[in-house]
Amino acid sequence: MTNIYNKNVMNKFGQIKSNIESLMTKSYGKNSFKTNMKSFKNHVIENEKLAEAYFLYDELSKKKSLSKEIVDDYVNECIETIKDILATEDKKIKEINMWVSEGLKNNSVNNYTDIDTVVYNNSVRNLEEVLECKNNIKKLLGENKEDVKINESVNIPLSSMLKIATNTFNKEYGDISEEDKKELKALLSLSKTELAEEIVNSKSIVLEKLNEKINESNDEDLHEKVNQTISHINESEISLTSLYKLKQLEHGL
């Protein structure tokens, strides 16, 4: 891993995103977690353009079952949008890089190498590498989606609040009430950018609340279950379904 103690070394956006994810994971359960969440909200969530870039990096790194007929246009549109955003937000990206560098001694593994390669390489000298990475992205997007579910274990002594919250997070649409359907209707009116912002913001709130639960308890089984819940939340795709479930989990906590 590359040392990033020198804050003047500029990382690519995918590397910065990977570092943020690593920082959040390492600080989870510690006093620094809340501070990091606030900084993340300030640097990323509240910046409409960077929130969209963050969202698009997620979208390009997930299995989406896209057909061959649309995957090329989808990738090209996403990449061009990311390039436009990064070109206008250079100063802010440097600030984010400096912030996350304060909490990490080394770069984490870059989970978005293929995307970075396509976004940052414009020279024909790297054309073969760019095309290979773009094909990797398209192949992933064409794979079938994986349903992520949180399974409860009756043998783990969870608090009633956490049980209700995680059960709500697992609720299927077919079981929702009329009131919940009204909330879904409101969510359906969100634009792509608004959806990305809402999901990132809701995730940060839920993670902060779950962190508080860990700090309030010495129950190792509870800690393990909360960590599993955190993992599943981070793995959930960016979609209206995920946003609805996150909102319900947020209210339950």
Protein backbone atom coordinates (compact mmCIF):
# COMPACT_ATOMS: atom_id res chain seq x y z
CA MET A 1 0.00 0.00 0.00
CA THR A 2 1.18 3.52 -0.81
CA ASN A 3 1.93 5.85 2.08
CA ILE A 4 -0.29 8.93 2.09
CA TYR A 5 1.17 10.73 5.10
CA ASN A 6 2.10 13.50 2.69
CA LYS A 7 -1.24 15.24 2.29
CA ASN A 8 -0.03 17.02 -0.83
CA VAL A 9 -0.08 13.71 -2.74
CA MET A 10 -3.31 13.74 -4.72
CA ASN A 11 -5.19 10.45 -4.97
CA LYS A 12 -7.72 9.58 -7.63
CA PHE A 13 -11.36 9.77 -6.63
CA GLY A 14 -11.85 6.00 -6.44
CA GLN A 15 -8.84 5.71 -4.14
CA ILE A 16 -10.18 8.54 -1.99
CA LYS A 17 -13.56 6.80 -1.80
CA SER A 18 -11.87 3.53 -0.78
CA ASN A 19 -9.90 5.41 1.87
CA ILE A 20 -13.08 6.97 3.24
CA GLU A 21 -14.71 3.55 3.48
CA SER A 22 -11.62 2.18 5.23
CA LEU A 23 -11.51 5.13 7.64
CA MET A 24 -15.16 4.64 8.58
CA THR A 25 -14.64 0.92 9.15
CA LYS A 26 -11.55 1.40 11.30
CA SER A 27 -13.09 4.17 13.41
CA TYR A 28 -16.39 2.35 13.90
CA GLY A 29 -17.05 1.82 17.62
CA LYS A 30 -14.53 4.52 18.58
CA ASN A 31 -14.98 8.14 19.61
CA SER A 32 -13.56 9.30 16.29
CA PHE A 33 -16.41 7.69 14.33
CA LYS A 34 -18.89 10.49 15.00
CA THR A 35 -16.33 13.13 14.03
CA ASN A 36 -15.54 11.27 10.80
CA MET A 37 -19.23 11.00 9.94
CA LYS A 38 -19.67 14.74 10.39
CA SER A 39 -16.66 15.42 8.19
CA PHE A 40 -17.97 13.03 5.55
CA LYS A 41 -21.31 14.81 5.56
CA ASN A 42 -19.62 18.19 5.25
CA HIS A 43 -17.19 17.20 2.51
CA VAL A 44 -19.32 14.83 0.41
CA ILE A 45 -23.01 14.64 1.26
CA GLU A 46 -23.58 18.39 1.31
CA ASN A 47 -21.74 18.86 -2.00
CA GLU A 48 -24.33 18.00 -4.64
CA LYS A 49 -21.81 17.31 -7.42
CA LEU A 50 -19.43 15.17 -5.38
CA ALA A 51 -22.35 13.27 -3.87
CA GLU A 52 -23.39 12.40 -7.42
CA ALA A 53 -19.86 11.29 -8.34
CA TYR A 54 -19.74 9.18 -5.18
CA PHE A 55 -23.09 7.66 -6.17
CA LEU A 56 -21.97 6.93 -9.74
CA TYR A 57 -18.80 5.17 -8.54
CA ASP A 58 -21.08 2.93 -6.48
CA GLU A 59 -23.38 2.35 -9.42
CA LEU A 60 -20.51 1.33 -11.70
CA SER A 61 -19.20 -1.20 -9.18
CA LYS A 62 -22.38 -3.23 -8.64
CA LYS A 63 -24.09 -6.13 -10.38
CA LYS A 64 -27.14 -4.62 -12.07
CA SER A 65 -28.28 -7.18 -14.67
CA LEU A 66 -27.97 -4.59 -17.44
CA SER A 67 -28.55 -5.85 -20.98
CA LYS A 68 -25.89 -5.64 -23.71
CA GLU A 69 -28.13 -3.17 -25.55
CA ILE A 70 -27.84 -0.47 -22.89
CA VAL A 71 -24.69 -1.21 -20.90
CA ASP A 72 -22.37 0.66 -23.30
CA ASP A 73 -24.44 3.86 -23.16
CA TYR A 74 -24.88 3.50 -19.42
CA VAL A 75 -21.14 3.25 -18.76
CA ASN A 76 -20.27 6.06 -21.16
CA GLU A 77 -22.85 8.43 -19.69
CA CYS A 78 -21.72 7.70 -16.13
CA ILE A 79 -18.03 8.13 -16.98
CA GLU A 80 -18.61 11.42 -18.80
CA THR A 81 -20.67 12.76 -15.91
CA ILE A 82 -17.94 11.79 -13.43
CA LYS A 83 -15.26 13.45 -15.57
CA ASP A 84 -17.27 16.68 -15.78
CA ILE A 85 -17.78 16.74 -12.01
CA LEU A 86 -14.16 16.02 -11.11
CA ALA A 87 -12.95 18.68 -13.54
CA THR A 88 -14.92 21.38 -11.72
CA GLU A 89 -14.41 20.15 -8.14
CA ASP A 90 -10.62 19.82 -8.03
CA LYS A 91 -10.18 22.12 -5.02
CA LYS A 92 -12.84 20.34 -2.98
CA ILE A 93 -11.43 16.92 -3.85
CA LYS A 94 -8.03 18.02 -2.57
CA GLU A 95 -9.68 19.04 0.70
CA ILE A 96 -11.31 15.62 1.01
CA ASN A 97 -8.00 13.91 0.26
CA MET A 98 -6.32 15.94 3.01
CA TRP A 99 -9.10 15.16 5.48
CA VAL A 100 -9.05 11.39 4.98
CA SER A 101 -5.22 11.40 4.97
CA GLU A 102 -5.29 12.64 8.55
CA GLY A 103 -6.98 9.44 9.69
CA LEU A 104 -5.02 6.87 7.65
CA LYS A 105 -1.31 6.13 7.51
CA ASN A 106 -1.57 4.28 4.21
CA ASN A 107 -3.86 4.03 1.24
CA SER A 108 -6.37 1.22 1.54
CA VAL A 109 -6.91 -1.24 -1.31
CA ASN A 110 -8.57 0.65 -4.15
CA ASN A 111 -11.93 -1.00 -4.81
CA TYR A 112 -12.54 1.20 -7.86
CA THR A 113 -9.33 0.73 -9.88
CA ASP A 114 -11.12 -0.02 -13.14
CA ILE A 115 -13.30 3.09 -12.85
CA ASP A 116 -10.32 5.29 -11.96
CA THR A 117 -8.40 3.97 -14.95
CA VAL A 118 -11.23 4.83 -17.35
CA VAL A 119 -11.93 8.22 -15.76
CA TYR A 120 -8.36 9.50 -15.50
CA ASN A 121 -6.71 8.14 -18.67
CA ASN A 122 -7.29 10.15 -21.83
CA SER A 123 -4.12 9.30 -23.75
CA VAL A 124 -4.24 6.87 -26.67
CA ARG A 125 -1.10 5.30 -25.21
CA ASN A 126 -3.27 3.78 -22.48
CA LEU A 127 -6.14 2.86 -24.78
CA GLU A 128 -5.75 -0.90 -24.41
CA GLU A 129 -5.75 -0.67 -20.62
CA VAL A 130 -8.74 1.67 -20.61
CA LEU A 131 -10.76 -0.62 -22.89
CA GLU A 132 -9.91 -3.64 -20.74
CA CYS A 133 -11.04 -1.83 -17.58
CA LYS A 134 -14.21 -0.60 -19.29
CA ASN A 135 -15.01 -4.15 -20.33
CA ASN A 136 -14.53 -5.28 -16.72
CA ILE A 137 -17.05 -2.67 -15.62
CA LYS A 138 -19.56 -3.68 -18.28
CA LYS A 139 -19.17 -7.35 -17.42
CA LEU A 140 -19.91 -6.65 -13.75
CA LEU A 141 -22.94 -4.49 -14.58
CA GLY A 142 -24.30 -7.30 -16.74
CA GLU A 143 -24.16 -9.88 -13.95
CA ASN A 144 -27.32 -10.75 -12.03
CA LYS A 145 -28.10 -8.71 -8.94
CA GLU A 146 -27.54 -10.28 -5.55
CA ASP A 147 -30.28 -9.86 -2.96
CA VAL A 148 -28.76 -8.87 0.37
CA LYS A 149 -30.81 -9.83 3.39
CA ILE A 150 -30.21 -9.56 7.13
CA ASN A 151 -30.99 -12.80 8.91
CA GLU A 152 -32.00 -12.69 12.56
CA SER A 153 -30.72 -15.32 14.99
CA VAL A 154 -32.99 -16.15 17.94
CA ASN A 155 -29.96 -17.27 19.92
CA ILE A 156 -28.46 -13.77 20.06
CA PRO A 157 -29.82 -11.60 22.94
CA LEU A 158 -30.48 -8.40 20.99
CA SER A 159 -32.26 -5.44 22.50
CA SER A 160 -35.91 -5.06 21.50
CA MET A 161 -35.11 -1.85 19.68
CA LEU A 162 -32.48 -3.45 17.50
CA LYS A 163 -34.73 -6.41 16.74
CA ILE A 164 -37.53 -4.13 15.61
CA ALA A 165 -35.14 -2.03 13.54
CA THR A 166 -33.53 -4.93 11.69
CA ASN A 167 -36.88 -6.64 11.12
CA THR A 168 -38.17 -3.42 9.62
CA PHE A 169 -35.11 -3.22 7.38
CA ASN A 170 -35.95 -6.70 6.06
CA LYS A 171 -39.63 -5.98 5.42
CA GLU A 172 -40.84 -6.82 1.92
CA TYR A 173 -42.86 -4.34 -0.09
CA GLY A 174 -45.83 -6.66 -0.26
CA ASP A 175 -46.39 -6.24 3.48
CA ILE A 176 -46.26 -2.45 3.73
CA SER A 177 -49.18 -0.36 4.93
CA GLU A 178 -51.02 2.37 3.06
CA GLU A 179 -49.07 4.96 5.03
CA ASP A 180 -45.80 3.35 3.97
CA LYS A 181 -46.99 3.33 0.37
CA LYS A 182 -47.53 7.09 0.58
CA GLU A 183 -43.94 7.48 1.77
CA LEU A 184 -42.76 5.36 -1.15
CA LYS A 185 -44.69 7.58 -3.54
CA ALA A 186 -42.78 10.59 -2.19
CA LEU A 187 -39.48 8.76 -2.63
CA LEU A 188 -40.35 7.95 -6.23
CA SER A 189 -40.42 11.66 -7.02
CA LEU A 190 -36.71 12.04 -6.15
CA SER A 191 -34.24 12.80 -8.92
CA LYS A 192 -31.11 10.68 -9.38
CA THR A 193 -28.97 13.22 -7.52
CA GLU A 194 -31.52 13.60 -4.72
CA LEU A 195 -31.72 9.82 -4.36
CA ALA A 196 -27.93 9.55 -4.03
CA GLU A 197 -27.84 12.31 -1.43
CA GLU A 198 -30.72 10.82 0.56
CA ILE A 199 -29.13 7.35 0.65
CA VAL A 200 -25.70 8.59 1.69
CA ASN A 201 -27.25 10.84 4.36
CA SER A 202 -29.55 8.11 5.68
CA LYS A 203 -26.66 5.63 5.83
CA SER A 204 -24.58 8.08 7.86
CA ILE A 205 -27.41 8.64 10.35
CA VAL A 206 -28.09 4.91 10.75
CA LEU A 207 -24.39 4.10 11.17
CA GLU A 208 -24.03 6.82 13.80
CA LYS A 209 -27.04 5.51 15.73
CA LEU A 210 -25.78 1.93 15.59
CA ASN A 211 -22.40 3.14 16.80
CA GLU A 212 -24.13 4.69 19.81
CA LYS A 213 -25.77 1.34 20.54
CA ILE A 214 -22.38 -0.33 20.67
CA ASN A 215 -21.00 2.33 23.00
CA GLU A 216 -23.97 1.85 25.33
CA SER A 217 -23.51 -1.92 25.67
CA ASN A 218 -20.76 -4.36 26.61
CA ASP A 219 -22.62 -7.31 25.10
CA GLU A 220 -20.21 -8.94 22.63
CA ASP A 221 -23.04 -10.78 20.86
CA LEU A 222 -24.85 -7.50 20.38
CA HIS A 223 -21.67 -5.92 19.00
CA GLU A 224 -21.28 -8.78 16.55
CA LYS A 225 -24.88 -8.51 15.37
CA VAL A 226 -24.67 -4.75 14.94
CA ASN A 227 -21.47 -5.14 12.94
CA GLN A 228 -23.26 -7.64 10.69
CA THR A 229 -26.07 -5.16 10.21
CA ILE A 230 -23.56 -2.43 9.33
CA SER A 231 -21.94 -4.73 6.79
CA HIS A 232 -25.25 -5.51 5.11
CA ILE A 233 -26.19 -1.82 5.02
CA ASN A 234 -22.92 -0.98 3.29
CA GLU A 235 -23.52 -3.77 0.78
CA SER A 236 -27.05 -2.68 -0.07
CA GLU A 237 -27.44 -1.21 -3.55
CA ILE A 238 -28.30 2.40 -4.20
CA SER A 239 -31.96 2.20 -5.12
CA LEU A 240 -35.38 3.35 -3.99
CA THR A 241 -35.87 0.01 -2.25
CA SER A 242 -32.71 0.47 -0.20
CA LEU A 243 -33.60 4.06 0.63
CA TYR A 244 -37.04 3.07 1.88
CA LYS A 245 -35.62 0.32 4.08
CA LEU A 246 -32.89 2.63 5.40
CA LYS A 247 -35.52 5.22 6.32
CA GLN A 248 -37.48 2.59 8.23
CA LEU A 249 -34.35 1.43 10.02
CA GLU A 250 -33.49 5.03 10.83
CA HIS A 251 -36.93 5.61 12.40
CA GLY A 252 -36.73 2.29 14.28
CA LEU A 253 -33.48 3.24 15.96
